[in-house]
Amino acid sequence: MLLALAGIVLVACSSQDSYDWLEGYWTSSEWQVTYELGEEDGVWTIRDGSSVLAQSAKLSTDKDKNIVLTDTDGMQFIIEKISDSQIHFQQVAAEGLQGRLPVRPLTRWMINIR
C-alpha cells in the first residue's frame, strides 16, 4: 500500500513541467541582443537591457509544444527549446498590430542568480 502511494506521488510530481532552465540571460551575436527572462509567482518578465519587453506575461504551450509567453497587451514571445542552452525566440505583435520579428537563435549566456 505504501509503495503504491509513493508511486502515485512520484508520477504526480514528475508530470509538472518545469521551466527553470528558461530563466536567465540569452544572447545572439548575430542580432547583437541579450534578453533576460525571469519568472516570479507564475508571471514572466523579458528585458532587453534597460527596456522591458514583457512584464506580466503568462506561460502556455502551443500545438507544437513551443513555449508561448503572452503579455497583458497581447504581445507573444514564441520560444522553441533546442537544448538547455539554445532556443529559438520570436516576438509576435498582438492581433491588429503589425509586426512579426524573424526567429532568432539564442544561446544561454549566463544563468540568472537571485
PDB file of N, CA and C in Angstrom:
ATOM      1  N   MET A   1       0.830  -1.192   0.000  1.00  0.00           N
ATOM      2  CA  MET A   1       0.000   0.000   0.000  1.00  0.00           C
ATOM      3  C   MET A   1       0.877   1.259   0.000  1.00  0.00           C
ATOM      4  N   LEU A   2       1.904   1.269   0.843  1.00  0.00           N
ATOM      5  CA  LEU A   2       2.803   2.416   0.924  1.00  0.00           C
ATOM      6  C   LEU A   2       3.559   2.616  -0.381  1.00  0.00           C
ATOM      7  N   LEU A   3       3.983   1.534  -1.024  1.00  0.00           N
ATOM      8  CA  LEU A   3       4.673   1.631  -2.306  1.00  0.00           C
ATOM      9  C   LEU A   3       3.762   2.203  -3.384  1.00  0.00           C
ATOM     10  N   ALA A   4       2.520   1.783  -3.403  1.00  0.00           N
ATOM     11  CA  ALA A   4       1.564   2.295  -4.387  1.00  0.00           C
ATOM     12  C   ALA A   4       1.354   3.793  -4.194  1.00  0.00           C
ATOM     13  N   LEU A   5       1.246   4.242  -2.975  1.00  0.00           N
ATOM     14  CA  LEU A   5       1.071   5.653  -2.682  1.00  0.00           C
ATOM     15  C   LEU A   5       2.302   6.447  -3.098  1.00  0.00           C
ATOM     16  N   ALA A   6       3.485   5.923  -2.829  1.00  0.00           N
ATOM     17  CA  ALA A   6       4.721   6.595  -3.229  1.00  0.00           C
ATOM     18  C   ALA A   6       4.805   6.702  -4.738  1.00  0.00           C
ATOM     19  N   GLY A   7       4.370   5.676  -5.454  1.00  0.00           N
ATOM     20  CA  GLY A   7       4.368   5.708  -6.916  1.00  0.00           C
ATOM     21  C   GLY A   7       3.435   6.770  -7.463  1.00  0.00           C
ATOM     22  N   ILE A   8       2.281   6.949  -6.847  1.00  0.00           N
ATOM     23  CA  ILE A   8       1.330   7.976  -7.276  1.00  0.00           C
ATOM     24  C   ILE A   8       1.907   9.363  -7.053  1.00  0.00           C
ATOM     25  N   VAL A   9       2.543   9.584  -5.916  1.00  0.00           N
ATOM     26  CA  VAL A   9       3.150  10.878  -5.617  1.00  0.00           C
ATOM     27  C   VAL A   9       4.264  11.173  -6.605  1.00  0.00           C
ATOM     28  N   LEU A  10       5.084  10.174  -6.930  1.00  0.00           N
ATOM     29  CA  LEU A  10       6.177  10.348  -7.875  1.00  0.00           C
ATOM     30  C   LEU A  10       5.655  10.719  -9.256  1.00  0.00           C
ATOM     31  N   VAL A  11       4.621  10.060  -9.709  1.00  0.00           N
ATOM     32  CA  VAL A  11       4.032  10.371 -11.008  1.00  0.00           C
ATOM     33  C   VAL A  11       3.453  11.776 -11.004  1.00  0.00           C
ATOM     34  N   ALA A  12       2.779  12.144  -9.941  1.00  0.00           N
ATOM     35  CA  ALA A  12       2.178  13.476  -9.865  1.00  0.00           C
ATOM     36  C   ALA A  12       3.243  14.558  -9.898  1.00  0.00           C
ATOM     37  N   CYS A  13       4.347  14.358  -9.214  1.00  0.00           N
ATOM     38  CA  CYS A  13       5.414  15.366  -9.190  1.00  0.00           C
ATOM     39  C   CYS A  13       6.130  15.453 -10.521  1.00  0.00           C
ATOM     40  N   SER A  14       6.343  14.315 -11.173  1.00  0.00           N
ATOM     41  CA  SER A  14       7.105  14.328 -12.411  1.00  0.00           C
ATOM     42  C   SER A  14       6.275  14.818 -13.593  1.00  0.00           C
ATOM     43  N   SER A  15       4.958  14.875 -13.473  1.00  0.00           N
ATOM     44  CA  SER A  15       4.143  15.318 -14.598  1.00  0.00           C
ATOM     45  C   SER A  15       4.078  16.843 -14.705  1.00  0.00           C
ATOM     46  N   GLN A  16       4.510  17.559 -13.670  1.00  0.00           N
ATOM     47  CA  GLN A  16       4.512  19.014 -13.728  1.00  0.00           C
ATOM     48  C   GLN A  16       5.707  19.483 -14.545  1.00  0.00           C
ATOM     49  N   ASP A  17       5.445  20.414 -15.477  1.00  0.00           N
ATOM     50  CA  ASP A  17       6.517  20.948 -16.299  1.00  0.00           C
ATOM     51  C   ASP A  17       7.318  21.968 -15.512  1.00  0.00           C
ATOM     52  N   SER A  18       8.626  21.932 -15.677  1.00  0.00           N
ATOM     53  CA  SER A  18       9.497  22.909 -15.046  1.00  0.00           C
ATOM     54  C   SER A  18      10.176  23.725 -16.140  1.00  0.00           C
ATOM     55  N   TYR A  19      10.126  25.013 -15.992  1.00  0.00           N
ATOM     56  CA  TYR A  19      10.734  25.910 -16.965  1.00  0.00           C
ATOM     57  C   TYR A  19      11.879  26.698 -16.344  1.00  0.00           C
ATOM     58  N   ASP A  20      12.461  26.154 -15.272  1.00  0.00           N
ATOM     59  CA  ASP A  20      13.595  26.806 -14.622  1.00  0.00           C
ATOM     60  C   ASP A  20      14.745  27.031 -15.596  1.00  0.00           C
ATOM     61  N   TRP A  21      14.946  26.104 -16.512  1.00  0.00           N
ATOM     62  CA  TRP A  21      16.037  26.199 -17.486  1.00  0.00           C
ATOM     63  C   TRP A  21      15.917  27.458 -18.345  1.00  0.00           C
ATOM     64  N   LEU A  22      14.708  28.011 -18.477  1.00  0.00           N
ATOM     65  CA  LEU A  22      14.479  29.171 -19.344  1.00  0.00           C
ATOM     66  C   LEU A  22      14.905  30.479 -18.689  1.00  0.00           C
ATOM     67  N   GLU A  23      14.938  30.502 -17.367  1.00  0.00           N
ATOM     68  CA  GLU A  23      15.301  31.736 -16.665  1.00  0.00           C
ATOM     69  C   GLU A  23      16.791  32.027 -16.830  1.00  0.00           C
ATOM     70  N   GLY A  24      17.102  33.279 -17.082  1.00  0.00           N
ATOM     71  CA  GLY A  24      18.495  33.690 -17.212  1.00  0.00           C
ATOM     72  C   GLY A  24      18.689  34.602 -18.411  1.00  0.00           C
ATOM     73  N   TYR A  25      19.919  34.692 -18.855  1.00  0.00           N
ATOM     74  CA  TYR A  25      20.279  35.576 -19.962  1.00  0.00           C
ATOM     75  C   TYR A  25      20.491  34.750 -21.225  1.00  0.00           C
ATOM     76  N   TRP A  26      19.905  35.217 -22.323  1.00  0.00           N
ATOM     77  CA  TRP A  26      20.017  34.567 -23.623  1.00  0.00           C
ATOM     78  C   TRP A  26      20.528  35.602 -24.612  1.00  0.00           C
ATOM     79  N   THR A  27      21.493  35.221 -25.435  1.00  0.00           N
ATOM     80  CA  THR A  27      22.132  36.188 -26.316  1.00  0.00           C
ATOM     81  C   THR A  27      22.228  35.689 -27.753  1.00  0.00           C
ATOM     82  N   SER A  28      22.297  36.630 -28.676  1.00  0.00           N
ATOM     83  CA  SER A  28      22.532  36.339 -30.089  1.00  0.00           C
ATOM     84  C   SER A  28      23.577  37.324 -30.592  1.00  0.00           C
ATOM     85  N   SER A  29      24.730  36.803 -30.984  1.00  0.00           N
ATOM     86  CA  SER A  29      25.761  37.692 -31.526  1.00  0.00           C
ATOM     87  C   SER A  29      25.355  38.201 -32.906  1.00  0.00           C
ATOM     88  N   GLU A  30      24.613  37.389 -33.646  1.00  0.00           N
ATOM     89  CA  GLU A  30      24.139  37.798 -34.973  1.00  0.00           C
ATOM     90  C   GLU A  30      23.226  39.023 -34.884  1.00  0.00           C
ATOM     91  N   TRP A  31      22.328  39.030 -33.899  1.00  0.00           N
ATOM     92  CA  TRP A  31      21.376  40.134 -33.736  1.00  0.00           C
ATOM     93  C   TRP A  31      21.894  41.179 -32.743  1.00  0.00           C
ATOM     94  N   GLN A  32      23.016  40.905 -32.108  1.00  0.00           N
ATOM     95  CA  GLN A  32      23.606  41.794 -31.106  1.00  0.00           C
ATOM     96  C   GLN A  32      22.587  42.183 -30.031  1.00  0.00           C
ATOM     97  N   VAL A  33      21.995  41.154 -29.430  1.00  0.00           N
ATOM     98  CA  VAL A  33      20.969  41.373 -28.414  1.00  0.00           C
ATOM     99  C   VAL A  33      21.133  40.345 -27.297  1.00  0.00           C
ATOM    100  N   THR A  34      20.810  40.755 -26.090  1.00  0.00           N
ATOM    101  CA  THR A  34      20.762  39.853 -24.938  1.00  0.00           C
ATOM    102  C   THR A  34      19.446  40.090 -24.220  1.00  0.00           C
ATOM    103  N   TYR A  35      18.688  39.023 -24.024  1.00  0.00           N
ATOM    104  CA  TYR A  35      17.420  39.092 -23.297  1.00  0.00           C
ATOM    105  C   TYR A  35      17.599  38.443 -21.939  1.00  0.00           C
ATOM    106  N   GLU A  36      16.947  39.001 -20.942  1.00  0.00           N
ATOM    107  CA  GLU A  36      16.881  38.389 -19.619  1.00  0.00           C
ATOM    108  C   GLU A  36      15.451  37.922 -19.398  1.00  0.00           C
ATOM    109  N   LEU A  37      15.280  36.637 -19.155  1.00  0.00           N
ATOM    110  CA  LEU A  37      13.965  36.071 -18.886  1.00  0.00           C
ATOM    111  C   LEU A  37      13.907  35.654 -17.431  1.00  0.00           C
ATOM    112  N   GLY A  38      12.836  36.024 -16.753  1.00  0.00           N
ATOM    113  CA  GLY A  38      12.672  35.674 -15.355  1.00  0.00           C
ATOM    114  C   GLY A  38      11.215  35.393 -15.015  1.00  0.00           C
ATOM    115  N   GLU A  39      11.015  34.579 -14.005  1.00  0.00           N
ATOM    116  CA  GLU A  39       9.667  34.211 -13.568  1.00  0.00           C
ATOM    117  C   GLU A  39       9.564  34.363 -12.064  1.00  0.00           C
ATOM    118  N   GLU A  40       8.450  34.921 -11.626  1.00  0.00           N
ATOM    119  CA  GLU A  40       8.160  35.013 -10.197  1.00  0.00           C
ATOM    120  C   GLU A  40       6.663  34.852 -10.005  1.00  0.00           C
ATOM    121  N   ASP A  41       6.279  33.864  -9.228  1.00  0.00           N
ATOM    122  CA  ASP A  41       4.863  33.576  -8.929  1.00  0.00           C
ATOM    123  C   ASP A  41       4.033  33.392 -10.193  1.00  0.00           C
ATOM    124  N   GLY A  42       4.589  32.711 -11.197  1.00  0.00           N
ATOM    125  CA  GLY A  42       3.848  32.410 -12.419  1.00  0.00           C
ATOM    126  C   GLY A  42       3.786  33.544 -13.423  1.00  0.00           C
ATOM    127  N   VAL A  43       4.433  34.662 -13.132  1.00  0.00           N
ATOM    128  CA  VAL A  43       4.445  35.816 -14.033  1.00  0.00           C
ATOM    129  C   VAL A  43       5.859  35.972 -14.595  1.00  0.00           C
ATOM    130  N   TRP A  44       5.967  36.103 -15.908  1.00  0.00           N
ATOM    131  CA  TRP A  44       7.249  36.178 -16.592  1.00  0.00           C
ATOM    132  C   TRP A  44       7.560  37.604 -17.019  1.00  0.00           C
ATOM    133  N   THR A  45       8.839  37.954 -16.953  1.00  0.00           N
ATOM    134  CA  THR A  45       9.319  39.230 -17.473  1.00  0.00           C
ATOM    135  C   THR A  45      10.404  38.943 -18.507  1.00  0.00           C
ATOM    136  N   ILE A  46      10.460  39.824 -19.502  1.00  0.00           N
ATOM    137  CA  ILE A  46      11.503  39.748 -20.525  1.00  0.00           C
ATOM    138  C   ILE A  46      12.086  41.141 -20.646  1.00  0.00           C
ATOM    139  N   ARG A  47      13.406  41.227 -20.470  1.00  0.00           N
ATOM    140  CA  ARG A  47      14.099  42.514 -20.558  1.00  0.00           C
ATOM    141  C   ARG A  47      15.171  42.440 -21.635  1.00  0.00           C
ATOM    142  N   ASP A  48      15.368  43.566 -22.285  1.00  0.00           N
ATOM    143  CA  ASP A  48      16.455  43.755 -23.247  1.00  0.00           C
ATOM    144  C   ASP A  48      17.260  44.935 -22.726  1.00  0.00           C
ATOM    145  N   GLY A  49      18.246  44.638 -21.872  1.00  0.00           N
ATOM    146  CA  GLY A  49      18.979  45.719 -21.209  1.00  0.00           C
ATOM    147  C   GLY A  49      18.050  46.442 -20.256  1.00  0.00           C
ATOM    148  N   SER A  50      17.894  47.752 -20.429  1.00  0.00           N
ATOM    149  CA  SER A  50      17.020  48.524 -19.546  1.00  0.00           C
ATOM    150  C   SER A  50      15.576  48.564 -20.059  1.00  0.00           C
ATOM    151  N   SER A  51      15.325  48.053 -21.267  1.00  0.00           N
ATOM    152  CA  SER A  51      13.970  48.029 -21.831  1.00  0.00           C
ATOM    153  C   SER A  51      13.219  46.787 -21.370  1.00  0.00           C
ATOM    154  N   VAL A  52      11.961  46.984 -20.985  1.00  0.00           N
ATOM    155  CA  VAL A  52      11.109  45.865 -20.589  1.00  0.00           C
ATOM    156  C   VAL A  52      10.217  45.514 -21.779  1.00  0.00           C
ATOM    157  N   LEU A  53      10.396  44.305 -22.308  1.00  0.00           N
ATOM    158  CA  LEU A  53       9.571  43.848 -23.428  1.00  0.00           C
ATOM    159  C   LEU A  53       8.254  43.250 -22.936  1.00  0.00           C
ATOM    160  N   ALA A  54       8.306  42.569 -21.795  1.00  0.00           N
ATOM    161  CA  ALA A  54       7.112  41.975 -21.187  1.00  0.00           C
ATOM    162  C   ALA A  54       7.297  42.016 -19.684  1.00  0.00           C
ATOM    163  N   GLN A  55       6.255  42.429 -18.966  1.00  0.00           N
ATOM    164  CA  GLN A  55       6.379  42.481 -17.515  1.00  0.00           C
ATOM    165  C   GLN A  55       5.355  41.644 -16.782  1.00  0.00           C
ATOM    166  N   SER A  56       4.343  41.169 -17.479  1.00  0.00           N
ATOM    167  CA  SER A  56       3.314  40.360 -16.822  1.00  0.00           C
ATOM    168  C   SER A  56       2.870  39.221 -17.736  1.00  0.00           C
ATOM    169  N   ALA A  57       3.822  38.553 -18.348  1.00  0.00           N
ATOM    170  CA  ALA A  57       3.492  37.504 -19.315  1.00  0.00           C
ATOM    171  C   ALA A  57       3.092  36.204 -18.621  1.00  0.00           C
ATOM    172  N   LYS A  58       2.160  35.513 -19.242  1.00  0.00           N
ATOM    173  CA  LYS A  58       1.713  34.211 -18.766  1.00  0.00           C
ATOM    174  C   LYS A  58       2.225  33.148 -19.731  1.00  0.00           C
ATOM    175  N   LEU A  59       2.627  32.007 -19.188  1.00  0.00           N
ATOM    176  CA  LEU A  59       3.197  30.936 -19.982  1.00  0.00           C
ATOM    177  C   LEU A  59       2.131  29.942 -20.397  1.00  0.00           C
ATOM    178  N   SER A  60       2.199  29.543 -21.660  1.00  0.00           N
ATOM    179  CA  SER A  60       1.374  28.446 -22.177  1.00  0.00           C
ATOM    180  C   SER A  60       2.224  27.725 -23.221  1.00  0.00           C
ATOM    181  N   THR A  61       1.679  26.670 -23.801  1.00  0.00           N
ATOM    182  CA  THR A  61       2.363  25.979 -24.892  1.00  0.00           C
ATOM    183  C   THR A  61       1.421  25.899 -26.083  1.00  0.00           C
ATOM    184  N   ASP A  62       1.999  25.875 -27.283  1.00  0.00           N
ATOM    185  CA  ASP A  62       1.174  25.767 -28.488  1.00  0.00           C
ATOM    186  C   ASP A  62       1.104  24.304 -28.937  1.00  0.00           C
ATOM    187  N   LYS A  63       0.453  24.071 -30.069  1.00  0.00           N
ATOM    188  CA  LYS A  63       0.251  22.703 -30.556  1.00  0.00           C
ATOM    189  C   LYS A  63       1.568  22.006 -30.890  1.00  0.00           C
ATOM    190  N   ASP A  64       2.620  22.788 -31.162  1.00  0.00           N
ATOM    191  CA  ASP A  64       3.932  22.220 -31.467  1.00  0.00           C
ATOM    192  C   ASP A  64       4.806  22.070 -30.221  1.00  0.00           C
ATOM    193  N   LYS A  65       4.210  22.308 -29.042  1.00  0.00           N
ATOM    194  CA  LYS A  65       4.884  22.220 -27.743  1.00  0.00           C
ATOM    195  C   LYS A  65       5.929  23.315 -27.549  1.00  0.00           C
ATOM    196  N   ASN A  66       5.822  24.396 -28.320  1.00  0.00           N
ATOM    197  CA  ASN A  66       6.662  25.560 -28.086  1.00  0.00           C
ATOM    198  C   ASN A  66       6.107  26.317 -26.887  1.00  0.00           C
ATOM    199  N   ILE A  67       6.972  27.030 -26.203  1.00  0.00           N
ATOM    200  CA  ILE A  67       6.549  27.868 -25.089  1.00  0.00           C
ATOM    201  C   ILE A  67       6.050  29.184 -25.666  1.00  0.00           C
ATOM    202  N   VAL A  68       4.910  29.651 -25.176  1.00  0.00           N
ATOM    203  CA  VAL A  68       4.361  30.932 -25.604  1.00  0.00           C
ATOM    204  C   VAL A  68       4.182  31.793 -24.359  1.00  0.00           C
ATOM    205  N   LEU A  69       4.899  32.910 -24.314  1.00  0.00           N
ATOM    206  CA  LEU A  69       4.725  33.880 -23.238  1.00  0.00           C
ATOM    207  C   LEU A  69       3.877  35.009 -23.800  1.00  0.00           C
ATOM    208  N   THR A  70       2.692  35.223 -23.220  1.00  0.00           N
ATOM    209  CA  THR A  70       1.766  36.248 -23.693  1.00  0.00           C
ATOM    210  C   THR A  70       1.642  37.334 -22.651  1.00  0.00           C
ATOM    211  N   ASP A  71       2.019  38.562 -23.035  1.00  0.00           N
ATOM    212  CA  ASP A  71       1.944  39.698 -22.118  1.00  0.00           C
ATOM    213  C   ASP A  71       0.521  40.245 -22.101  1.00  0.00           C
ATOM    214  N   THR A  72       0.231  41.115 -21.154  1.00  0.00           N
ATOM    215  CA  THR A  72      -1.120  41.659 -20.991  1.00  0.00           C
ATOM    216  C   THR A  72      -1.578  42.473 -22.203  1.00  0.00           C
ATOM    217  N   ASP A  73      -0.644  43.018 -22.987  1.00  0.00           N
ATOM    218  CA  ASP A  73      -1.021  43.780 -24.183  1.00  0.00           C
ATOM    219  C   ASP A  73      -1.227  42.891 -25.402  1.00  0.00           C
ATOM    220  N   GLY A  74      -1.109  41.568 -25.236  1.00  0.00           N
ATOM    221  CA  GLY A  74      -1.318  40.632 -26.331  1.00  0.00           C
ATOM    222  C   GLY A  74      -0.047  40.249 -27.082  1.00  0.00           C
ATOM    223  N   MET A  75       1.057  40.917 -26.801  1.00  0.00           N
ATOM    224  CA  MET A  75       2.329  40.570 -27.431  1.00  0.00           C
ATOM    225  C   MET A  75       2.711  39.152 -27.027  1.00  0.00           C
ATOM    226  N   GLN A  76       3.130  38.364 -28.007  1.00  0.00           N
ATOM    227  CA  GLN A  76       3.532  36.987 -27.730  1.00  0.00           C
ATOM    228  C   GLN A  76       5.011  36.792 -28.045  1.00  0.00           C
ATOM    229  N   PHE A  77       5.625  35.942 -27.257  1.00  0.00           N
ATOM    230  CA  PHE A  77       7.005  35.547 -27.455  1.00  0.00           C
ATOM    231  C   PHE A  77       6.995  34.031 -27.563  1.00  0.00           C
ATOM    232  N   ILE A  78       7.322  33.520 -28.745  1.00  0.00           N
ATOM    233  CA  ILE A  78       7.279  32.090 -29.002  1.00  0.00           C
ATOM    234  C   ILE A  78       8.698  31.550 -28.881  1.00  0.00           C
ATOM    235  N   ILE A  79       8.851  30.545 -28.033  1.00  0.00           N
ATOM    236  CA  ILE A  79      10.173  30.006 -27.724  1.00  0.00           C
ATOM    237  C   ILE A  79      10.182  28.509 -28.009  1.00  0.00           C
ATOM    238  N   GLU A  80      11.099  28.111 -28.882  1.00  0.00           N
ATOM    239  CA  GLU A  80      11.292  26.701 -29.180  1.00  0.00           C
ATOM    240  C   GLU A  80      12.585  26.253 -28.495  1.00  0.00           C
ATOM    241  N   LYS A  81      12.472  25.275 -27.630  1.00  0.00           N
ATOM    242  CA  LYS A  81      13.655  24.764 -26.934  1.00  0.00           C
ATOM    243  C   LYS A  81      14.427  23.841 -27.862  1.00  0.00           C
ATOM    244  N   ILE A  82      15.670  24.198 -28.119  1.00  0.00           N
ATOM    245  CA  ILE A  82      16.561  23.350 -28.893  1.00  0.00           C
ATOM    246  C   ILE A  82      17.346  22.453 -27.929  1.00  0.00           C
ATOM    247  N   SER A  83      17.847  23.056 -26.859  1.00  0.00           N
ATOM    248  CA  SER A  83      18.538  22.337 -25.786  1.00  0.00           C
ATOM    249  C   SER A  83      18.458  23.225 -24.546  1.00  0.00           C
ATOM    250  N   ASP A  84      19.068  22.787 -23.449  1.00  0.00           N
ATOM    251  CA  ASP A  84      19.068  23.617 -22.243  1.00  0.00           C
ATOM    252  C   ASP A  84      19.860  24.904 -22.436  1.00  0.00           C
ATOM    253  N   SER A  85      20.679  24.960 -23.481  1.00  0.00           N
ATOM    254  CA  SER A  85      21.494  26.158 -23.696  1.00  0.00           C
ATOM    255  C   SER A  85      21.201  26.864 -25.021  1.00  0.00           C
ATOM    256  N   GLN A  86      20.211  26.383 -25.795  1.00  0.00           N
ATOM    257  CA  GLN A  86      19.863  27.038 -27.051  1.00  0.00           C
ATOM    258  C   GLN A  86      18.349  27.039 -27.249  1.00  0.00           C
ATOM    259  N   ILE A  87      17.850  28.195 -27.694  1.00  0.00           N
ATOM    260  CA  ILE A  87      16.427  28.336 -28.010  1.00  0.00           C
ATOM    261  C   ILE A  87      16.275  29.112 -29.315  1.00  0.00           C
ATOM    262  N   HIS A  88      15.115  28.999 -29.920  1.00  0.00           N
ATOM    263  CA  HIS A  88      14.707  29.891 -30.994  1.00  0.00           C
ATOM    264  C   HIS A  88      13.642  30.797 -30.396  1.00  0.00           C
ATOM    265  N   PHE A  89      13.760  32.098 -30.621  1.00  0.00           N
ATOM    266  CA  PHE A  89      12.940  33.118 -29.962  1.00  0.00           C
ATOM    267  C   PHE A  89      12.301  33.991 -31.028  1.00  0.00           C
ATOM    268  N   GLN A  90      10.985  34.148 -30.974  1.00  0.00           N
ATOM    269  CA  GLN A  90      10.290  35.003 -31.932  1.00  0.00           C
ATOM    270  C   GLN A  90       9.268  35.861 -31.207  1.00  0.00           C
ATOM    271  N   GLN A  91       9.250  37.141 -31.540  1.00  0.00           N
ATOM    272  CA  GLN A  91       8.311  38.103 -30.961  1.00  0.00           C
ATOM    273  C   GLN A  91       7.222  38.361 -31.989  1.00  0.00           C
ATOM    274  N   VAL A  92       5.956  38.242 -31.564  1.00  0.00           N
ATOM    275  CA  VAL A  92       4.816  38.422 -32.462  1.00  0.00           C
ATOM    276  C   VAL A  92       3.891  39.470 -31.853  1.00  0.00           C
ATOM    277  N   ALA A  93       3.577  40.509 -32.640  1.00  0.00           N
ATOM    278  CA  ALA A  93       2.718  41.592 -32.162  1.00  0.00           C
ATOM    279  C   ALA A  93       1.303  41.088 -31.896  1.00  0.00           C
ATOM    280  N   ALA A  94       0.601  41.819 -31.049  1.00  0.00           N
ATOM    281  CA  ALA A  94      -0.789  41.496 -30.740  1.00  0.00           C
ATOM    282  C   ALA A  94      -1.642  41.606 -31.997  1.00  0.00           C
ATOM    283  N   GLU A  95      -2.746  40.873 -32.007  1.00  0.00           N
ATOM    284  CA  GLU A  95      -3.656  40.910 -33.146  1.00  0.00           C
ATOM    285  C   GLU A  95      -4.104  42.344 -33.404  1.00  0.00           C
ATOM    286  N   GLY A  96      -4.108  42.740 -34.673  1.00  0.00           N
ATOM    287  CA  GLY A  96      -4.499  44.094 -35.034  1.00  0.00           C
ATOM    288  C   GLY A  96      -3.316  45.038 -35.163  1.00  0.00           C
ATOM    289  N   LEU A  97      -2.176  44.627 -34.647  1.00  0.00           N
ATOM    290  CA  LEU A  97      -0.951  45.416 -34.772  1.00  0.00           C
ATOM    291  C   LEU A  97      -0.030  44.710 -35.756  1.00  0.00           C
ATOM    292  N   GLN A  98       0.702  45.483 -36.500  1.00  0.00           N
ATOM    293  CA  GLN A  98       1.601  44.895 -37.477  1.00  0.00           C
ATOM    294  C   GLN A  98       2.930  44.578 -36.815  1.00  0.00           C
ATOM    295  N   GLY A  99       3.455  43.434 -37.112  1.00  0.00           N
ATOM    296  CA  GLY A  99       4.784  43.127 -36.623  1.00  0.00           C
ATOM    297  C   GLY A  99       4.987  41.685 -36.263  1.00  0.00           C
ATOM    298  N   ARG A 100       6.005  41.137 -36.852  1.00  0.00           N
ATOM    299  CA  ARG A 100       6.447  39.781 -36.540  1.00  0.00           C
ATOM    300  C   ARG A 100       7.931  39.760 -36.842  1.00  0.00           C
ATOM    301  N   LEU A 101       8.742  39.652 -35.802  1.00  0.00           N
ATOM    302  CA  LEU A 101      10.181  39.621 -35.995  1.00  0.00           C
ATOM    303  C   LEU A 101      10.613  38.223 -36.419  1.00  0.00           C
ATOM    304  N   PRO A 102      11.706  38.126 -37.167  1.00  0.00           N
ATOM    305  CA  PRO A 102      12.209  36.800 -37.553  1.00  0.00           C
ATOM    306  C   PRO A 102      12.597  35.980 -36.327  1.00  0.00           C
ATOM    307  N   VAL A 103      12.632  34.672 -36.519  1.00  0.00           N
ATOM    308  CA  VAL A 103      13.074  33.778 -35.449  1.00  0.00           C
ATOM    309  C   VAL A 103      14.539  34.060 -35.181  1.00  0.00           C
ATOM    310  N   ARG A 104      14.886  34.208 -33.901  1.00  0.00           N
ATOM    311  CA  ARG A 104      16.266  34.478 -33.501  1.00  0.00           C
ATOM    312  C   ARG A 104      16.815  33.283 -32.730  1.00  0.00           C
ATOM    313  N   PRO A 105      17.903  32.690 -33.218  1.00  0.00           N
ATOM    314  CA  PRO A 105      18.550  31.659 -32.403  1.00  0.00           C
ATOM    315  C   PRO A 105      19.304  32.328 -31.261  1.00  0.00           C
ATOM    316  N   LEU A 106      19.048  31.901 -30.039  1.00  0.00           N
ATOM    317  CA  LEU A 106      19.699  32.475 -28.861  1.00  0.00           C
ATOM    318  C   LEU A 106      20.453  31.385 -28.105  1.00  0.00           C
ATOM    319  N   THR A 107      21.537  31.769 -27.482  1.00  0.00           N
ATOM    320  CA  THR A 107      22.355  30.862 -26.685  1.00  0.00           C
ATOM    321  C   THR A 107      22.398  31.377 -25.258  1.00  0.00           C
ATOM    322  N   ARG A 108      22.342  30.447 -24.303  1.00  0.00           N
ATOM    323  CA  ARG A 108      22.411  30.842 -22.886  1.00  0.00           C
ATOM    324  C   ARG A 108      23.749  31.507 -22.657  1.00  0.00           C
ATOM    325  N   TRP A 109      23.676  32.685 -22.064  1.00  0.00           N
ATOM    326  CA  TRP A 109      24.874  33.447 -21.782  1.00  0.00           C
ATOM    327  C   TRP A 109      25.264  33.322 -20.321  1.00  0.00           C
ATOM    328  N   MET A 110      24.274  33.462 -19.445  1.00  0.00           N
ATOM    329  CA  MET A 110      24.550  33.373 -18.017  1.00  0.00           C
ATOM    330  C   MET A 110      23.235  33.037 -17.320  1.00  0.00           C
ATOM    331  N   ILE A 111      23.295  32.196 -16.325  1.00  0.00           N
ATOM    332  CA  ILE A 111      22.109  31.865 -15.552  1.00  0.00           C
ATOM    333  C   ILE A 111      21.823  32.995 -14.585  1.00  0.00           C
ATOM    334  N   ASN A 112      20.557  33.376 -14.503  1.00  0.00           N
ATOM    335  CA  ASN A 112      20.141  34.432 -13.590  1.00  0.00           C
ATOM    336  C   ASN A 112      20.141  33.893 -12.168  1.00  0.00           C
ATOM    337  N   ILE A 113      20.938  34.487 -11.314  1.00  0.00           N
ATOM    338  CA  ILE A 113      21.006  34.055  -9.908  1.00  0.00           C
ATOM    339  C   ILE A 113      20.308  35.105  -9.057  1.00  0.00           C
ATOM    340  N   ARG A 114      19.283  34.665  -8.334  1.00  0.00           N
ATOM    341  CA  ARG A 114      18.528  35.591  -7.493  1.00  0.00           C
ATOM    342  C   ARG A 114      19.033  35.575  -6.087  1.00  0.00           C
TER     343      ARG A 114
END
